[in-house]
N, C-alpha and C. Protein backbone atom coordinates (compact mmCIF):
# COMPACT_ATOMS: atom_id res chain seq x y z
N MET A 1 45.53 359.19 287.22
CA MET A 1 45.07 358.01 286.77
C MET A 1 45.03 357.28 288.22
N SER A 2 44.02 356.35 288.15
CA SER A 2 43.81 356.07 289.28
C SER A 2 44.59 354.50 289.70
N ILE A 3 44.44 353.89 291.10
CA ILE A 3 44.85 353.12 291.15
C ILE A 3 44.37 351.50 290.31
N THR A 4 43.13 351.52 290.45
CA THR A 4 42.36 350.71 290.03
C THR A 4 42.57 350.49 288.53
N ILE A 5 42.85 351.96 287.74
CA ILE A 5 42.65 351.37 286.06
C ILE A 5 43.91 351.12 285.74
N THR A 6 45.22 351.20 286.57
CA THR A 6 46.49 351.00 286.27
C THR A 6 46.19 348.99 286.93
N LEU A 7 45.42 349.19 287.70
CA LEU A 7 45.94 347.63 288.21
C LEU A 7 44.95 346.97 287.03
N PHE A 8 44.13 347.61 286.45
CA PHE A 8 42.86 346.80 285.85
C PHE A 8 43.74 346.47 284.28
N GLY A 9 44.58 347.72 284.00
CA GLY A 9 45.52 347.53 283.39
C GLY A 9 46.61 346.41 283.30
N GLN A 10 47.39 346.54 284.03
CA GLN A 10 48.01 346.02 284.40
C GLN A 10 47.75 343.93 284.85
N LEU A 11 46.64 343.97 284.86
CA LEU A 11 45.72 342.73 285.24
C LEU A 11 45.23 342.48 283.69
N ILE A 12 45.15 343.30 282.58
CA ILE A 12 44.76 342.80 281.45
C ILE A 12 45.95 342.47 280.75
N THR A 13 47.10 343.30 280.97
CA THR A 13 48.45 343.00 280.50
C THR A 13 48.80 342.03 280.78
N PHE A 14 48.46 341.78 282.18
CA PHE A 14 49.31 340.47 282.50
C PHE A 14 48.50 339.16 281.88
N ALA A 15 46.97 339.59 281.75
CA ALA A 15 46.34 338.07 281.07
C ALA A 15 46.83 338.03 279.77
N ILE A 16 47.04 339.29 279.04
CA ILE A 16 47.48 338.82 277.68
C ILE A 16 48.75 338.30 277.49
N LEU A 17 49.83 338.62 278.03
CA LEU A 17 51.08 338.04 278.77
C LEU A 17 50.96 336.43 278.86
N VAL A 18 50.18 335.98 280.04
CA VAL A 18 49.75 334.71 280.10
C VAL A 18 49.07 334.45 278.78
N ALA A 19 48.32 334.29 278.20
CA ALA A 19 47.58 333.99 277.02
C ALA A 19 48.63 333.94 275.96
N PHE A 20 49.24 334.83 275.68
CA PHE A 20 50.62 334.77 274.63
C PHE A 20 51.77 333.60 275.26
N VAL A 21 52.08 333.67 276.25
CA VAL A 21 53.11 332.46 276.53
C VAL A 21 52.51 331.28 276.63
N TRP A 22 51.45 331.02 276.96
CA TRP A 22 50.72 330.03 276.98
C TRP A 22 50.33 329.43 275.79
N ARG A 23 49.67 330.38 275.17
CA ARG A 23 49.88 330.08 273.34
C ARG A 23 50.66 329.82 272.73
N PHE A 24 52.21 330.48 272.63
CA PHE A 24 53.20 330.83 271.79
C PHE A 24 54.55 329.97 272.05
N LEU A 25 54.66 330.26 273.89
CA LEU A 25 55.62 329.81 274.26
C LEU A 25 55.46 328.47 275.10
N TRP A 26 54.29 328.22 275.97
CA TRP A 26 54.28 327.05 276.68
C TRP A 26 54.20 325.90 275.79
N SER A 27 52.85 325.84 274.97
CA SER A 27 52.73 324.55 274.42
C SER A 27 53.86 324.25 273.63
N PRO A 28 54.76 324.79 272.98
CA PRO A 28 55.95 324.90 272.11
C PRO A 28 56.64 323.88 273.44
N MET A 29 57.13 324.64 274.16
CA MET A 29 58.05 324.28 275.28
C MET A 29 57.42 322.91 275.78
N THR A 30 56.32 323.15 276.19
CA THR A 30 56.04 321.59 276.42
C THR A 30 56.02 320.70 275.63
N GLU A 31 55.49 320.71 274.23
CA GLU A 31 56.00 319.76 273.19
C GLU A 31 57.02 319.40 273.24
N MET A 32 58.16 320.23 273.10
CA MET A 32 59.59 320.27 272.98
C MET A 32 60.09 319.54 274.16
N MET A 33 59.47 319.47 275.06
CA MET A 33 60.18 318.87 276.33
C MET A 33 59.45 317.36 276.52
N GLU A 34 58.44 316.99 276.04
CA GLU A 34 57.50 315.82 275.97
C GLU A 34 58.33 315.40 274.90
N GLY A 35 58.79 315.71 273.73
CA GLY A 35 59.30 315.05 272.46
C GLY A 35 61.02 314.30 273.67
N ARG A 36 61.39 315.49 274.33
CA ARG A 36 62.97 315.28 274.82
C ARG A 36 62.63 314.16 275.67
N ARG A 37 61.86 314.17 276.29
CA ARG A 37 61.35 313.15 277.07
C ARG A 37 61.47 311.39 276.51
N LYS A 38 60.45 311.97 275.49
CA LYS A 38 60.35 310.67 274.87
C LYS A 38 61.92 310.23 273.96
N ARG A 39 62.34 311.04 273.64
CA ARG A 39 63.75 310.43 272.85
C ARG A 39 64.34 309.79 274.07
N ILE A 40 64.92 310.40 275.00
CA ILE A 40 65.61 309.53 276.26
C ILE A 40 65.02 308.55 276.69
N SER A 41 63.54 308.36 276.72
CA SER A 41 63.46 307.27 277.56
C SER A 41 63.57 306.22 276.16
N GLU A 42 63.19 306.65 274.87
CA GLU A 42 63.66 305.80 273.22
C GLU A 42 65.06 305.08 273.68
N GLY A 43 66.12 306.35 274.00
CA GLY A 43 67.55 306.11 274.13
C GLY A 43 67.95 305.06 275.12
N LEU A 44 67.09 305.38 276.32
CA LEU A 44 67.16 304.39 277.67
C LEU A 44 66.87 303.09 277.21
N ALA A 45 65.74 302.93 276.68
CA ALA A 45 65.28 301.59 276.06
C ALA A 45 65.91 300.96 275.10
N ALA A 46 66.63 301.86 274.26
CA ALA A 46 67.59 301.48 272.81
C ALA A 46 68.84 300.80 273.71
N SER A 47 69.42 301.50 274.66
CA SER A 47 70.39 300.85 275.48
C SER A 47 70.26 299.74 276.27
N GLU A 48 68.78 299.61 276.62
CA GLU A 48 68.93 298.46 277.89
C GLU A 48 68.77 297.23 276.51
N ARG A 49 68.10 297.78 275.11
CA ARG A 49 68.06 296.24 274.49
C ARG A 49 69.65 296.02 274.04
N GLY A 50 70.13 297.01 273.76
CA GLY A 50 71.74 296.87 273.13
C GLY A 50 72.55 295.91 274.11
N LYS A 51 72.28 296.55 275.53
CA LYS A 51 72.63 295.42 276.61
C LYS A 51 72.81 294.12 276.25
N GLN A 52 71.07 294.22 276.48
CA GLN A 52 70.64 292.52 276.24
C GLN A 52 71.48 291.88 274.87
N GLU A 53 71.58 292.55 273.96
CA GLU A 53 71.88 291.97 272.93
C GLU A 53 73.33 291.98 272.61
N LEU A 54 74.26 292.79 273.34
CA LEU A 54 75.26 292.48 273.49
C LEU A 54 75.57 291.50 274.66
N ASP A 55 74.65 290.89 275.53
CA ASP A 55 75.20 289.65 276.06
C ASP A 55 74.86 288.44 275.54
N LEU A 56 73.71 288.29 274.65
CA LEU A 56 73.31 287.55 273.72
C LEU A 56 74.25 287.51 272.89
N ALA A 57 75.13 288.01 272.37
CA ALA A 57 76.14 288.14 271.21
C ALA A 57 77.31 287.31 272.19
N LYS A 58 77.67 288.00 273.48
CA LYS A 58 78.73 287.64 274.10
C LYS A 58 78.50 286.03 274.51
N GLN A 59 77.16 285.73 274.67
CA GLN A 59 76.78 284.13 274.67
C GLN A 59 77.11 283.66 273.60
N ALA A 60 76.83 283.82 272.56
CA ALA A 60 76.85 283.40 271.24
C ALA A 60 78.39 283.03 270.75
N ALA A 61 79.21 284.11 271.14
CA ALA A 61 80.48 284.00 270.82
C ALA A 61 81.14 283.22 271.67
N ALA A 62 80.89 283.27 272.92
CA ALA A 62 81.47 282.22 273.81
C ALA A 62 80.94 280.67 273.10
N LEU A 63 79.96 280.48 272.94
CA LEU A 63 79.35 279.09 272.14
C LEU A 63 79.93 278.57 271.29
N HIS A 64 79.99 279.51 270.46
CA HIS A 64 80.96 279.45 268.78
C HIS A 64 82.29 279.07 269.12
N LEU A 65 83.00 280.04 270.50
CA LEU A 65 84.30 279.53 270.51
C LEU A 65 84.63 277.95 271.10
N ARG A 66 83.61 277.87 272.19
CA ARG A 66 83.62 276.78 272.45
C ARG A 66 83.61 275.52 271.60
N GLU A 67 82.62 275.73 270.45
CA GLU A 67 82.34 274.74 269.39
C GLU A 67 83.79 274.72 268.31
N ALA A 68 84.21 275.85 268.19
CA ALA A 68 85.24 276.01 267.57
C ALA A 68 86.74 274.78 268.00
N LYS A 69 86.63 275.48 269.14
CA LYS A 69 87.75 274.63 270.20
C LYS A 69 87.29 273.22 269.98
N GLN A 70 86.16 272.85 270.10
CA GLN A 70 86.15 271.28 269.93
C GLN A 70 86.31 270.30 268.86
N THR A 71 86.22 271.54 267.91
CA THR A 71 86.20 271.21 266.49
C THR A 71 87.73 270.93 266.16
N ALA A 72 88.41 271.79 266.69
CA ALA A 72 89.59 271.97 266.71
C ALA A 72 90.46 270.41 267.34
N SER A 73 89.79 270.61 268.40
CA SER A 73 90.33 269.32 268.99
C SER A 73 90.03 268.04 268.58
N ASP A 74 88.92 268.18 267.84
CA ASP A 74 88.48 266.90 267.03
C ASP A 74 89.21 266.89 266.18
N ILE A 75 89.63 268.12 264.98
CA ILE A 75 90.28 267.70 263.93
C ILE A 75 91.99 267.13 264.46
N ILE A 76 92.43 267.87 265.47
CA ILE A 76 93.51 267.49 266.06
C ILE A 76 93.46 266.03 266.09
N THR A 77 92.90 265.24 266.91
CA THR A 77 92.76 264.15 267.35
C THR A 77 92.87 263.15 266.04
N SER A 78 91.70 263.40 265.38
CA SER A 78 91.48 262.78 264.08
C SER A 78 93.21 262.87 263.30
N ALA A 79 93.54 263.99 263.24
CA ALA A 79 95.01 264.10 262.56
C ALA A 79 96.04 263.06 263.15
N ASN A 80 96.06 263.19 264.52
CA ASN A 80 97.05 261.95 265.22
C ASN A 80 96.49 260.71 264.72
N LYS A 81 95.38 260.34 265.29
CA LYS A 81 95.12 259.12 264.70
C LYS A 81 95.49 258.73 263.35
N ARG A 82 94.77 259.66 262.20
CA ARG A 82 95.67 259.19 261.05
C ARG A 82 97.10 259.22 260.42
N GLY A 83 97.79 259.84 261.58
CA GLY A 83 99.21 259.92 261.48
C GLY A 83 99.73 258.58 262.14
N ASN A 84 99.07 258.33 262.96
CA ASN A 84 99.68 256.79 263.72
C ASN A 84 99.11 255.71 262.66
N LYS A 85 98.03 255.87 262.24
CA LYS A 85 97.93 254.84 261.00
C LYS A 85 98.99 254.95 259.97
N ILE A 86 99.02 256.14 259.78
CA ILE A 86 100.24 255.97 258.17
C ILE A 86 101.31 255.51 258.84
N ILE A 87 101.52 255.66 260.11
CA ILE A 87 103.17 255.36 260.40
C ILE A 87 102.61 253.87 260.07
N GLU A 88 102.13 253.38 260.91
CA GLU A 88 101.51 251.68 261.31
C GLU A 88 101.80 251.16 259.86
N GLU A 89 100.74 251.87 258.76
CA GLU A 89 101.08 251.19 257.44
C GLU A 89 102.44 250.99 256.95
N ALA A 90 102.95 251.95 257.28
CA ALA A 90 104.29 252.61 256.36
C ALA A 90 105.28 251.34 257.29
N ARG A 91 105.25 251.07 258.50
CA ARG A 91 105.95 250.13 259.31
C ARG A 91 105.73 248.80 258.67
N GLU A 92 104.37 248.68 258.52
CA GLU A 92 103.91 247.15 258.08
C GLU A 92 104.40 247.44 256.70
N GLN A 93 104.35 247.90 255.59
CA GLN A 93 104.84 247.72 254.43
C GLN A 93 106.37 247.74 254.25
N ALA A 94 107.12 248.54 255.26
CA ALA A 94 108.22 248.37 255.26
C ALA A 94 109.22 246.50 255.89
N VAL A 95 108.25 246.03 256.45
CA VAL A 95 108.22 244.61 257.00
C VAL A 95 108.20 244.19 255.99
N ALA A 96 106.86 244.24 255.52
CA ALA A 96 106.71 243.46 253.95
C ALA A 96 107.84 243.20 253.00
N GLU A 97 107.98 244.71 252.77
CA GLU A 97 109.24 244.59 251.80
C GLU A 97 110.33 244.08 252.33
N GLY A 98 110.73 244.16 253.24
CA GLY A 98 112.03 243.10 253.92
C GLY A 98 111.70 242.12 253.77
N LYS A 99 110.65 241.18 254.11
CA LYS A 99 110.26 239.98 254.24
C LYS A 99 110.49 239.68 252.48
N ARG A 100 110.01 240.20 251.83
CA ARG A 100 109.90 239.87 250.51
C ARG A 100 111.03 240.12 249.67
N LYS A 101 112.13 241.13 250.08
CA LYS A 101 113.37 241.53 249.82
C LYS A 101 114.56 239.66 250.48
N LEU A 102 114.12 239.75 251.56
CA LEU A 102 114.66 238.53 252.33
C LEU A 102 114.37 237.02 251.50
N ASP A 103 113.21 237.03 251.53
CA ASP A 103 112.81 235.67 250.14
C ASP A 103 113.35 235.81 248.98
N ALA A 104 113.71 237.09 248.42
CA ALA A 104 113.81 237.06 247.32
C ALA A 104 115.63 236.79 247.36
N ALA A 105 116.18 237.27 248.30
CA ALA A 105 117.69 236.75 248.46
C ALA A 105 117.80 235.37 248.57
N MET A 106 116.91 234.96 249.60
CA MET A 106 117.20 233.33 250.02
C MET A 106 116.53 232.81 248.65
N THR A 107 115.92 233.26 247.90
CA THR A 107 115.62 232.12 246.36
C THR A 107 116.92 232.48 245.64
N GLU A 108 117.59 233.61 245.35
CA GLU A 108 118.61 233.94 244.64
C GLU A 108 119.91 232.98 245.13
N ILE A 109 119.81 233.08 246.52
CA ILE A 109 120.76 232.17 247.00
C ILE A 109 120.62 230.87 246.75
N GLU A 110 119.52 230.23 246.93
CA GLU A 110 119.20 228.79 246.83
C GLU A 110 119.64 228.60 245.29
N LEU A 111 119.35 229.61 244.50
CA LEU A 111 119.60 229.12 242.85
C LEU A 111 121.44 229.14 242.66
N GLU A 112 121.97 230.00 243.55
CA GLU A 112 123.05 229.84 243.31
C GLU A 112 123.72 228.50 243.80
N ILE A 113 123.60 227.99 244.91
CA ILE A 113 123.48 227.06 245.64
C ILE A 113 123.44 225.84 244.59
N ASN A 114 122.24 225.74 243.83
CA ASN A 114 121.96 224.76 242.80
C ASN A 114 122.75 224.68 241.47
N ARG A 115 123.33 225.90 241.15
CA ARG A 115 123.83 226.26 239.97
C ARG A 115 125.44 225.73 240.19
N ALA A 116 125.89 226.02 241.74
CA ALA A 116 127.22 225.66 241.79
C ALA A 116 127.22 223.74 242.18
N ARG A 117 126.11 223.49 242.67
CA ARG A 117 126.25 221.79 242.25
C ARG A 117 126.37 221.37 241.24
N ASP A 118 125.23 221.81 240.32
CA ASP A 118 125.40 221.29 239.10
C ASP A 118 126.47 221.64 238.45
N ASP A 119 127.04 222.93 238.73
CA ASP A 119 128.55 222.80 237.96
C ASP A 119 129.41 221.99 238.49
N LEU A 120 129.37 221.58 240.10
CA LEU A 120 130.67 220.90 240.83
C LEU A 120 130.38 219.06 240.19
N ARG A 121 129.06 219.09 239.95
CA ARG A 121 129.01 217.63 239.11
C ARG A 121 129.33 217.71 237.94
N ARG A 122 128.99 218.91 237.08
CA ARG A 122 129.47 218.60 235.66
C ARG A 122 131.45 218.46 235.67
N GLN A 123 131.91 219.40 236.72
CA GLN A 123 133.37 219.08 236.99
C GLN A 123 133.56 217.78 237.38
N VAL A 124 132.88 217.31 238.30
CA VAL A 124 133.27 215.72 239.29
C VAL A 124 132.69 214.68 237.60
N SER A 125 131.98 215.17 236.90
CA SER A 125 131.81 214.07 235.64
C SER A 125 133.11 214.13 234.58
N ASN A 126 133.22 215.46 234.59
CA ASN A 126 134.61 215.56 233.63
C ASN A 126 135.95 215.07 234.22
N VAL A 127 135.71 215.31 235.58
CA VAL A 127 137.32 214.62 236.02
C VAL A 127 137.13 212.85 236.04
N ALA A 128 135.73 212.38 236.08
CA ALA A 128 135.66 210.89 236.00
C ALA A 128 136.27 210.34 234.70
N LEU A 129 135.30 211.32 233.86
CA LEU A 129 135.56 210.84 232.38
C LEU A 129 137.02 210.93 232.06
N ALA A 130 137.49 211.87 232.56
CA ALA A 130 139.17 212.00 232.18
C ALA A 130 140.10 210.95 232.83
N THR A 131 139.33 210.40 233.85
CA THR A 131 140.14 209.28 234.74
C THR A 131 139.69 208.17 233.98
N ALA A 132 138.64 207.91 233.58
CA ALA A 132 137.92 206.85 233.15
C ALA A 132 138.89 206.58 231.59
N GLU A 133 139.18 207.79 230.91
CA GLU A 133 139.83 207.60 229.38
C GLU A 133 141.76 207.35 229.85
N LYS A 134 141.91 207.68 231.08
CA LYS A 134 143.56 207.43 231.20
C LYS A 134 143.11 205.89 231.64
N ILE A 135 142.64 205.64 232.34
CA ILE A 135 142.26 204.01 232.74
C ILE A 135 142.13 203.01 231.67
N LEU A 136 141.28 203.90 230.50
CA LEU A 136 140.61 203.02 229.52
C LEU A 136 142.19 203.26 228.32
N GLU A 137 142.82 203.80 228.46
CA GLU A 137 143.97 203.87 227.69
C GLU A 137 144.92 202.67 228.37
N ARG A 138 145.16 202.48 229.52
CA ARG A 138 145.98 201.68 229.73
C ARG A 138 145.09 200.44 229.63
N GLU A 139 144.13 200.29 230.14
CA GLU A 139 143.46 198.68 229.87
C GLU A 139 142.00 199.15 228.97
N ILE A 140 142.25 198.16 228.12
CA ILE A 140 141.23 198.87 227.26
C ILE A 140 140.26 197.67 227.27
N ASP A 141 139.90 197.01 228.52
CA ASP A 141 138.90 196.50 228.80
C ASP A 141 137.92 196.63 228.67
N PRO A 142 136.64 196.22 228.04
CA PRO A 142 135.28 197.01 227.71
C PRO A 142 134.44 196.42 228.97
N ALA A 143 134.79 195.40 229.75
CA ALA A 143 133.84 194.98 230.28
C ALA A 143 134.27 195.68 231.94
N ALA A 144 135.60 195.73 231.80
CA ALA A 144 135.97 196.68 233.00
C ALA A 144 136.06 198.35 233.61
N HIS A 145 135.98 198.78 231.94
CA HIS A 145 135.21 199.72 231.41
C HIS A 145 134.21 200.26 231.82
N ASN A 146 133.30 199.40 231.74
CA ASN A 146 131.87 199.48 231.91
C ASN A 146 131.21 199.38 233.42
N GLU A 147 131.98 198.76 234.14
CA GLU A 147 131.81 198.44 235.12
C GLU A 147 132.24 199.52 235.98
N LEU A 148 133.29 200.52 235.70
CA LEU A 148 133.72 201.84 236.28
C LEU A 148 132.62 203.04 235.97
N ILE A 149 132.52 203.10 234.68
CA ILE A 149 131.39 203.84 234.57
C ILE A 149 129.97 203.51 235.26
N ASP A 150 129.81 202.76 235.34
CA ASP A 150 128.19 202.55 236.23
C ASP A 150 128.61 202.61 237.87
N LYS A 151 129.37 202.22 238.02
CA LYS A 151 129.87 202.79 239.43
C LYS A 151 129.80 204.10 239.71
N MET A 152 130.91 205.14 238.76
CA MET A 152 131.00 206.51 238.67
C MET A 152 129.26 207.32 238.73
N ILE A 153 128.89 206.73 237.68
CA ILE A 153 127.06 207.02 237.43
C ILE A 153 126.25 207.07 238.62
N GLN A 154 126.66 205.73 239.45
CA GLN A 154 125.89 205.81 240.71
C GLN A 154 126.19 206.34 241.75
N LYS A 155 127.51 207.09 241.89
CA LYS A 155 128.14 207.84 242.63
C LYS A 155 127.53 209.16 242.65
N LEU A 156 127.46 209.63 241.33
CA LEU A 156 127.27 211.01 240.90
C LEU A 156 125.69 211.18 241.37
């Protein structure tokens, strides 16, 4: 065999091998590499979007946290104001109740004083009548008797 035939045979075999590799191995491998490159780029893009969404979510969470703190602060302030108002109302009611009870006690004392005066007047009248009876028993003078009664009535 000569070297040229072998060389041509090897060239033909090599050409068939290159065509076979090109057709059955290179194209699928290139497509597979291209698909892998696309998936990697999509993954990187998704990762970047995820980072951006994470940053946005952190900002939104911080905003919500600030709003919640402000709302809580407003609620606490409102509760403190309401508590102070309730305390002040209770204090005013207690003062009003105390005044009402004091007024009622003063009225009761005044009534008791008037009852005691009336009772004392009755007792003085009874004593005066008893005295008048005794005087009348000793002296049965109607003119003197009437004069004494008139004086006693005027004193009362």
